[in-house]
């Protein structure tokens, strides 16, 4: 539900439109991930790290900078290995990685 709000997806839209919008958002995040990998996570401020986590589905309000950086490193490792044709796998990974992050539950 929270991820739907981040990606501006509402259940009232037709399914084909939701799929296209979700794919577009996931591919945009993938492009941002590649740019972030080139820039390096060390260049991001704490606010930028938290915003990057939030955009990828992780509630980072109670996480420190090192925890956000560690999660983003895991995310980038997965995101940058996937091809554009694997956008649905990346979308599912957003949910799985954010829900299963140990510190996010506490």
C-alpha atoms as a PDB file:
ATOM      1  CA  UNK A   1       0.000   0.000   0.000  1.00  0.00           C
ATOM      2  CA  UNK A   2       2.787   2.428   0.953  1.00  0.00           C
ATOM      3  CA  UNK A   3       4.701   1.577  -2.213  1.00  0.00           C
ATOM      4  CA  UNK A   4       1.595   2.339  -4.270  1.00  0.00           C
ATOM      5  CA  UNK A   5       1.490   5.809  -2.748  1.00  0.00           C
ATOM      6  CA  UNK A   6       5.166   6.401  -3.500  1.00  0.00           C
ATOM      7  CA  UNK A   7       4.701   5.365  -7.125  1.00  0.00           C
ATOM      8  CA  UNK A   8       1.366   7.220  -7.490  1.00  0.00           C
ATOM      9  CA  UNK A   9      -0.552   4.046  -8.286  1.00  0.00           C
ATOM     10  CA  UNK A  10      -4.221   3.976  -7.371  1.00  0.00           C
ATOM     11  CA  UNK A  11      -6.387   0.849  -7.622  1.00  0.00           C
ATOM     12  CA  UNK A  12      -9.087   2.833  -9.434  1.00  0.00           C
ATOM     13  CA  UNK A  13      -7.135   2.934 -12.684  1.00  0.00           C
ATOM     14  CA  UNK A  14      -7.526   0.249 -15.385  1.00  0.00           C
ATOM     15  CA  UNK A  15      -5.092  -2.661 -15.078  1.00  0.00           C
ATOM     16  CA  UNK A  16      -3.283  -1.967 -18.354  1.00  0.00           C
ATOM     17  CA  UNK A  17      -2.651   1.616 -17.286  1.00  0.00           C
ATOM     18  CA  UNK A  18      -1.354   0.501 -13.869  1.00  0.00           C
ATOM     19  CA  UNK A  19       1.040  -1.977 -15.492  1.00  0.00           C
ATOM     20  CA  UNK A  20       2.396   0.642 -17.863  1.00  0.00           C
ATOM     21  CA  UNK A  21       2.775   3.229 -15.099  1.00  0.00           C
ATOM     22  CA  UNK A  22       4.466   0.736 -12.748  1.00  0.00           C
ATOM     23  CA  UNK A  23       6.881  -0.359 -15.469  1.00  0.00           C
ATOM     24  CA  UNK A  24       7.695   3.270 -16.246  1.00  0.00           C
ATOM     25  CA  UNK A  25       8.390   4.038 -12.578  1.00  0.00           C
ATOM     26  CA  UNK A  26      10.519   0.933 -12.100  1.00  0.00           C
ATOM     27  CA  UNK A  27      12.604   1.696 -15.181  1.00  0.00           C
ATOM     28  CA  UNK A  28      13.079   5.281 -13.996  1.00  0.00           C
ATOM     29  CA  UNK A  29      14.300   3.993 -10.624  1.00  0.00           C
ATOM     30  CA  UNK A  30      16.626   1.625 -12.475  1.00  0.00           C
ATOM     31  CA  UNK A  31      18.149   4.577 -14.365  1.00  0.00           C
ATOM     32  CA  UNK A  32      18.535   6.488 -11.103  1.00  0.00           C
ATOM     33  CA  UNK A  33      20.202   3.444  -9.557  1.00  0.00           C
ATOM     34  CA  UNK A  34      22.797   3.291 -12.306  1.00  0.00           C
ATOM     35  CA  UNK A  35      23.524   6.995 -11.883  1.00  0.00           C
ATOM     36  CA  UNK A  36      23.756   6.592  -8.103  1.00  0.00           C
ATOM     37  CA  UNK A  37      26.170   3.690  -8.519  1.00  0.00           C
ATOM     38  CA  UNK A  38      28.420   5.845 -10.732  1.00  0.00           C
ATOM     39  CA  UNK A  39      28.225   8.757  -8.296  1.00  0.00           C
ATOM     40  CA  UNK A  40      28.831   6.590  -5.242  1.00  0.00           C
ATOM     41  CA  UNK A  41      26.745   6.377  -2.088  1.00  0.00           C
ATOM     42  CA  UNK A  42      29.424   8.249  -0.168  1.00  0.00           C
ATOM     43  CA  UNK A  43      28.503  11.411  -2.062  1.00  0.00           C
ATOM     44  CA  UNK A  44      24.902  11.429  -0.752  1.00  0.00           C
ATOM     45  CA  UNK A  45      23.815  13.336   2.337  1.00  0.00           C
ATOM     46  CA  UNK A  46      21.718  11.667   5.027  1.00  0.00           C
ATOM     47  CA  UNK A  47      18.565  13.294   3.658  1.00  0.00           C
ATOM     48  CA  UNK A  48      19.346  12.091   0.137  1.00  0.00           C
ATOM     49  CA  UNK A  49      20.024   8.555   1.399  1.00  0.00           C
ATOM     50  CA  UNK A  50      16.701   8.456   3.249  1.00  0.00           C
ATOM     51  CA  UNK A  51      14.857   9.835   0.216  1.00  0.00           C
ATOM     52  CA  UNK A  52      16.489   7.208  -2.015  1.00  0.00           C
ATOM     53  CA  UNK A  53      15.412   4.451   0.382  1.00  0.00           C
ATOM     54  CA  UNK A  54      11.886   5.837   0.558  1.00  0.00           C
ATOM     55  CA  UNK A  55      11.599   5.987  -3.222  1.00  0.00           C
ATOM     56  CA  UNK A  56      12.531   2.306  -3.347  1.00  0.00           C
ATOM     57  CA  UNK A  57       9.928   1.331  -0.746  1.00  0.00           C
ATOM     58  CA  UNK A  58      11.865   1.295   2.538  1.00  0.00           C
ATOM     59  CA  UNK A  59      10.587   3.270   5.513  1.00  0.00           C
ATOM     60  CA  UNK A  60      13.840   4.874   6.593  1.00  0.00           C
ATOM     61  CA  UNK A  61      12.529   7.229   9.278  1.00  0.00           C
ATOM     62  CA  UNK A  62      14.088   5.204  12.116  1.00  0.00           C
ATOM     63  CA  UNK A  63      17.238   4.166  10.293  1.00  0.00           C
ATOM     64  CA  UNK A  64      20.666   5.692  10.584  1.00  0.00           C
ATOM     65  CA  UNK A  65      22.880   6.729   7.728  1.00  0.00           C
ATOM     66  CA  UNK A  66      24.930   3.528   7.807  1.00  0.00           C
ATOM     67  CA  UNK A  67      21.806   1.355   7.755  1.00  0.00           C
ATOM     68  CA  UNK A  68      20.352   3.281   4.816  1.00  0.00           C
ATOM     69  CA  UNK A  69      23.661   3.004   2.984  1.00  0.00           C
ATOM     70  CA  UNK A  70      23.857  -0.760   3.652  1.00  0.00           C
ATOM     71  CA  UNK A  71      20.317  -1.308   2.388  1.00  0.00           C
ATOM     72  CA  UNK A  72      20.952   0.808  -0.714  1.00  0.00           C
ATOM     73  CA  UNK A  73      24.132  -1.151  -1.441  1.00  0.00           C
ATOM     74  CA  UNK A  74      22.065  -4.357  -1.383  1.00  0.00           C
ATOM     75  CA  UNK A  75      19.422  -2.758  -3.572  1.00  0.00           C
ATOM     76  CA  UNK A  76      21.932  -1.403  -6.093  1.00  0.00           C
ATOM     77  CA  UNK A  77      23.617  -4.790  -6.268  1.00  0.00           C
ATOM     78  CA  UNK A  78      20.353  -6.309  -7.413  1.00  0.00           C
ATOM     79  CA  UNK A  79      18.963  -3.427  -9.460  1.00  0.00           C
ATOM     80  CA  UNK A  80      22.038  -2.864 -11.592  1.00  0.00           C
ATOM     81  CA  UNK A  81      22.351  -6.555 -12.494  1.00  0.00           C
ATOM     82  CA  UNK A  82      18.824  -6.832 -13.875  1.00  0.00           C
ATOM     83  CA  UNK A  83      17.919  -6.041 -17.458  1.00  0.00           C
ATOM     84  CA  UNK A  84      15.103  -3.689 -18.485  1.00  0.00           C
ATOM     85  CA  UNK A  85      13.079  -6.746 -19.505  1.00  0.00           C
ATOM     86  CA  UNK A  86      13.145  -7.882 -15.861  1.00  0.00           C
ATOM     87  CA  UNK A  87      11.231  -4.850 -14.563  1.00  0.00           C
ATOM     88  CA  UNK A  88       8.583  -7.025 -12.900  1.00  0.00           C
ATOM     89  CA  UNK A  89      11.292  -8.837 -10.923  1.00  0.00           C
ATOM     90  CA  UNK A  90      12.662  -5.482  -9.798  1.00  0.00           C
ATOM     91  CA  UNK A  91       9.187  -4.320  -8.727  1.00  0.00           C
ATOM     92  CA  UNK A  92       8.684  -7.487  -6.676  1.00  0.00           C
ATOM     93  CA  UNK A  93      12.146  -7.078  -5.196  1.00  0.00           C
ATOM     94  CA  UNK A  94      11.165  -3.612  -3.960  1.00  0.00           C
ATOM     95  CA  UNK A  95       8.453  -5.178  -1.848  1.00  0.00           C
ATOM     96  CA  UNK A  96      10.502  -8.146  -0.644  1.00  0.00           C
ATOM     97  CA  UNK A  97      13.640  -6.202   0.269  1.00  0.00           C
ATOM     98  CA  UNK A  98      11.770  -3.467   2.113  1.00  0.00           C
ATOM     99  CA  UNK A  99       9.440  -5.799   4.023  1.00  0.00           C
ATOM    100  CA  UNK A 100      12.189  -8.216   4.993  1.00  0.00           C
ATOM    101  CA  UNK A 101      14.726  -5.632   6.143  1.00  0.00           C
ATOM    102  CA  UNK A 102      15.323  -6.459   9.818  1.00  0.00           C
ATOM    103  CA  UNK A 103      15.705  -2.910  11.151  1.00  0.00           C
ATOM    104  CA  UNK A 104      12.668  -1.653   9.241  1.00  0.00           C
ATOM    105  CA  UNK A 105      10.401  -3.866  11.368  1.00  0.00           C
ATOM    106  CA  UNK A 106      11.636  -2.581  14.715  1.00  0.00           C
END
